[in-house]
Amino acid sequence: MAQHKIIEAERERERKRKTREKARKEALAREPRRGKSVAEFCASWGVSRSTYEEWRRRGIGPTVIQPIPGGRVLITSEAEVEWASKRSALAAVADPAE
């Protein structure tokens, strides 16, 4: 009898986990796209993912959002424009010949 209750409890936990996962996937599918994925950002700027990650570690990468915890990380167009202008400003200071 005790073994039966343990099995039922495990089945119930698994059912709840699957329900939560399904709800999370549905929420991701409904979430309107508010920016570029990291891969799209890297492709548009012609940089590798490792370069992007290095920028993030150094604190010089673009600001990201994660609308749904555990969901995709996005870079909004506003964050990309802000990052690009900071990058241009830093380049101008580093190379005064421009």
C-alpha atoms as a PDB file:
ATOM      1  CA  MET A   1       0.000   0.000   0.000  1.00  0.00           C
ATOM      2  CA  ALA A   2       2.796   2.450   0.874  1.00  0.00           C
ATOM      3  CA  GLN A   3       4.551   1.667  -2.408  1.00  0.00           C
ATOM      4  CA  HIS A   4       1.345   2.489  -4.279  1.00  0.00           C
ATOM      5  CA  LYS A   5       1.135   5.922  -2.588  1.00  0.00           C
ATOM      6  CA  ILE A   6       4.759   6.655  -3.464  1.00  0.00           C
ATOM      7  CA  ILE A   7       4.152   5.769  -7.110  1.00  0.00           C
ATOM      8  CA  GLU A   8       0.995   7.908  -7.196  1.00  0.00           C
ATOM      9  CA  ALA A   9       2.857  10.851  -5.615  1.00  0.00           C
ATOM     10  CA  GLU A  10       5.634  10.554  -8.220  1.00  0.00           C
ATOM     11  CA  ARG A  11       3.094  10.453 -11.036  1.00  0.00           C
ATOM     12  CA  GLU A  12       1.369  13.537  -9.634  1.00  0.00           C
ATOM     13  CA  ARG A  13       4.695  15.443  -9.407  1.00  0.00           C
ATOM     14  CA  GLU A  14       5.510  14.492 -12.998  1.00  0.00           C
ATOM     15  CA  ARG A  15       2.045  15.546 -14.184  1.00  0.00           C
ATOM     16  CA  LYS A  16       2.428  18.933 -12.476  1.00  0.00           C
ATOM     17  CA  ARG A  17       5.925  19.382 -13.937  1.00  0.00           C
ATOM     18  CA  LYS A  18       4.615  18.656 -17.445  1.00  0.00           C
ATOM     19  CA  THR A  19       1.709  21.065 -16.917  1.00  0.00           C
ATOM     20  CA  ARG A  20       4.104  23.836 -15.821  1.00  0.00           C
ATOM     21  CA  GLU A  21       6.403  23.153 -18.783  1.00  0.00           C
ATOM     22  CA  LYS A  22       3.474  23.215 -21.206  1.00  0.00           C
ATOM     23  CA  ALA A  23       2.240  26.516 -19.735  1.00  0.00           C
ATOM     24  CA  ARG A  24       5.747  28.016 -20.024  1.00  0.00           C
ATOM     25  CA  LYS A  25       6.037  26.938 -23.676  1.00  0.00           C
ATOM     26  CA  GLU A  26       2.600  28.353 -24.462  1.00  0.00           C
ATOM     27  CA  ALA A  27       3.523  31.637 -22.785  1.00  0.00           C
ATOM     28  CA  LEU A  28       6.713  31.799 -24.862  1.00  0.00           C
ATOM     29  CA  ALA A  29       4.746  31.191 -28.030  1.00  0.00           C
ATOM     30  CA  ARG A  30       2.282  33.994 -27.170  1.00  0.00           C
ATOM     31  CA  GLU A  31       5.007  36.427 -26.107  1.00  0.00           C
ATOM     32  CA  PRO A  32       5.325  39.129 -28.770  1.00  0.00           C
ATOM     33  CA  ARG A  33       8.817  39.484 -30.125  1.00  0.00           C
ATOM     34  CA  ARG A  34      10.330  42.589 -28.572  1.00  0.00           C
ATOM     35  CA  GLY A  35      13.838  42.414 -29.916  1.00  0.00           C
ATOM     36  CA  LYS A  36      16.596  40.299 -31.396  1.00  0.00           C
ATOM     37  CA  SER A  37      17.886  37.052 -30.021  1.00  0.00           C
ATOM     38  CA  VAL A  38      21.566  36.971 -29.116  1.00  0.00           C
ATOM     39  CA  ALA A  39      22.245  34.944 -32.277  1.00  0.00           C
ATOM     40  CA  GLU A  40      20.421  37.524 -34.426  1.00  0.00           C
ATOM     41  CA  PHE A  41      22.271  40.386 -32.727  1.00  0.00           C
ATOM     42  CA  CYS A  42      25.638  38.701 -33.298  1.00  0.00           C
ATOM     43  CA  ALA A  43      24.810  38.008 -36.949  1.00  0.00           C
ATOM     44  CA  SER A  44      23.700  41.588 -37.567  1.00  0.00           C
ATOM     45  CA  TRP A  45      26.922  42.988 -36.049  1.00  0.00           C
ATOM     46  CA  GLY A  46      29.184  40.329 -37.563  1.00  0.00           C
ATOM     47  CA  VAL A  47      30.565  39.131 -34.229  1.00  0.00           C
ATOM     48  CA  SER A  48      30.871  35.675 -32.748  1.00  0.00           C
ATOM     49  CA  ARG A  49      28.886  34.502 -29.763  1.00  0.00           C
ATOM     50  CA  SER A  50      32.123  34.291 -27.764  1.00  0.00           C
ATOM     51  CA  THR A  51      32.863  37.964 -28.524  1.00  0.00           C
ATOM     52  CA  TYR A  52      29.353  38.878 -27.389  1.00  0.00           C
ATOM     53  CA  GLU A  53      29.809  36.858 -24.176  1.00  0.00           C
ATOM     54  CA  GLU A  54      33.149  38.561 -23.552  1.00  0.00           C
ATOM     55  CA  TRP A  55      31.478  41.978 -23.955  1.00  0.00           C
ATOM     56  CA  ARG A  56      28.786  40.915 -21.462  1.00  0.00           C
ATOM     57  CA  ARG A  57      31.399  39.719 -18.963  1.00  0.00           C
ATOM     58  CA  ARG A  58      33.261  43.021 -19.282  1.00  0.00           C
ATOM     59  CA  GLY A  59      30.026  44.972 -18.890  1.00  0.00           C
ATOM     60  CA  ILE A  60      30.181  46.547 -22.339  1.00  0.00           C
ATOM     61  CA  GLY A  61      27.515  44.477 -24.083  1.00  0.00           C
ATOM     62  CA  PRO A  62      23.986  45.629 -24.826  1.00  0.00           C
ATOM     63  CA  THR A  63      21.279  45.522 -22.187  1.00  0.00           C
ATOM     64  CA  VAL A  64      19.134  42.405 -22.422  1.00  0.00           C
ATOM     65  CA  ILE A  65      15.645  41.521 -21.275  1.00  0.00           C
ATOM     66  CA  GLN A  66      14.159  38.159 -20.389  1.00  0.00           C
ATOM     67  CA  PRO A  67      10.390  38.701 -20.515  1.00  0.00           C
ATOM     68  CA  ILE A  68       9.615  35.249 -19.147  1.00  0.00           C
ATOM     69  CA  PRO A  69      11.882  33.756 -16.469  1.00  0.00           C
ATOM     70  CA  GLY A  70      13.711  30.892 -18.093  1.00  0.00           C
ATOM     71  CA  GLY A  71      12.634  32.137 -21.518  1.00  0.00           C
ATOM     72  CA  ARG A  72      14.589  33.609 -24.352  1.00  0.00           C
ATOM     73  CA  VAL A  73      16.954  36.512 -23.825  1.00  0.00           C
ATOM     74  CA  LEU A  74      16.297  39.463 -26.115  1.00  0.00           C
ATOM     75  CA  ILE A  75      18.060  42.662 -27.046  1.00  0.00           C
ATOM     76  CA  THR A  76      15.513  45.381 -27.748  1.00  0.00           C
ATOM     77  CA  SER A  77      16.018  47.766 -30.628  1.00  0.00           C
ATOM     78  CA  GLU A  78      16.293  50.614 -28.103  1.00  0.00           C
ATOM     79  CA  ALA A  79      19.040  48.757 -26.205  1.00  0.00           C
ATOM     80  CA  GLU A  80      20.862  48.044 -29.467  1.00  0.00           C
ATOM     81  CA  VAL A  81      20.747  51.715 -30.520  1.00  0.00           C
ATOM     82  CA  GLU A  82      21.953  52.822 -27.067  1.00  0.00           C
ATOM     83  CA  TRP A  83      24.759  50.253 -27.128  1.00  0.00           C
ATOM     84  CA  ALA A  84      25.791  51.284 -30.655  1.00  0.00           C
ATOM     85  CA  SER A  85      25.941  54.972 -29.729  1.00  0.00           C
ATOM     86  CA  LYS A  86      28.059  54.212 -26.640  1.00  0.00           C
ATOM     87  CA  ARG A  87      30.306  52.034 -28.774  1.00  0.00           C
ATOM     88  CA  SER A  88      30.724  54.865 -31.310  1.00  0.00           C
ATOM     89  CA  ALA A  89      31.455  57.364 -28.560  1.00  0.00           C
ATOM     90  CA  LEU A  90      34.082  55.089 -27.028  1.00  0.00           C
ATOM     91  CA  ALA A  91      35.665  54.525 -30.447  1.00  0.00           C
ATOM     92  CA  ALA A  92      35.863  58.279 -31.037  1.00  0.00           C
ATOM     93  CA  VAL A  93      37.590  58.830 -27.679  1.00  0.00           C
ATOM     94  CA  ALA A  94      39.974  55.921 -28.265  1.00  0.00           C
ATOM     95  CA  ASP A  95      40.860  57.138 -31.770  1.00  0.00           C
ATOM     96  CA  PRO A  96      40.885  60.965 -31.831  1.00  0.00           C
ATOM     97  CA  ALA A  97      41.950  60.973 -35.511  1.00  0.00           C
ATOM     98  CA  GLU A  98      38.325  60.327 -36.541  1.00  0.00           C
END
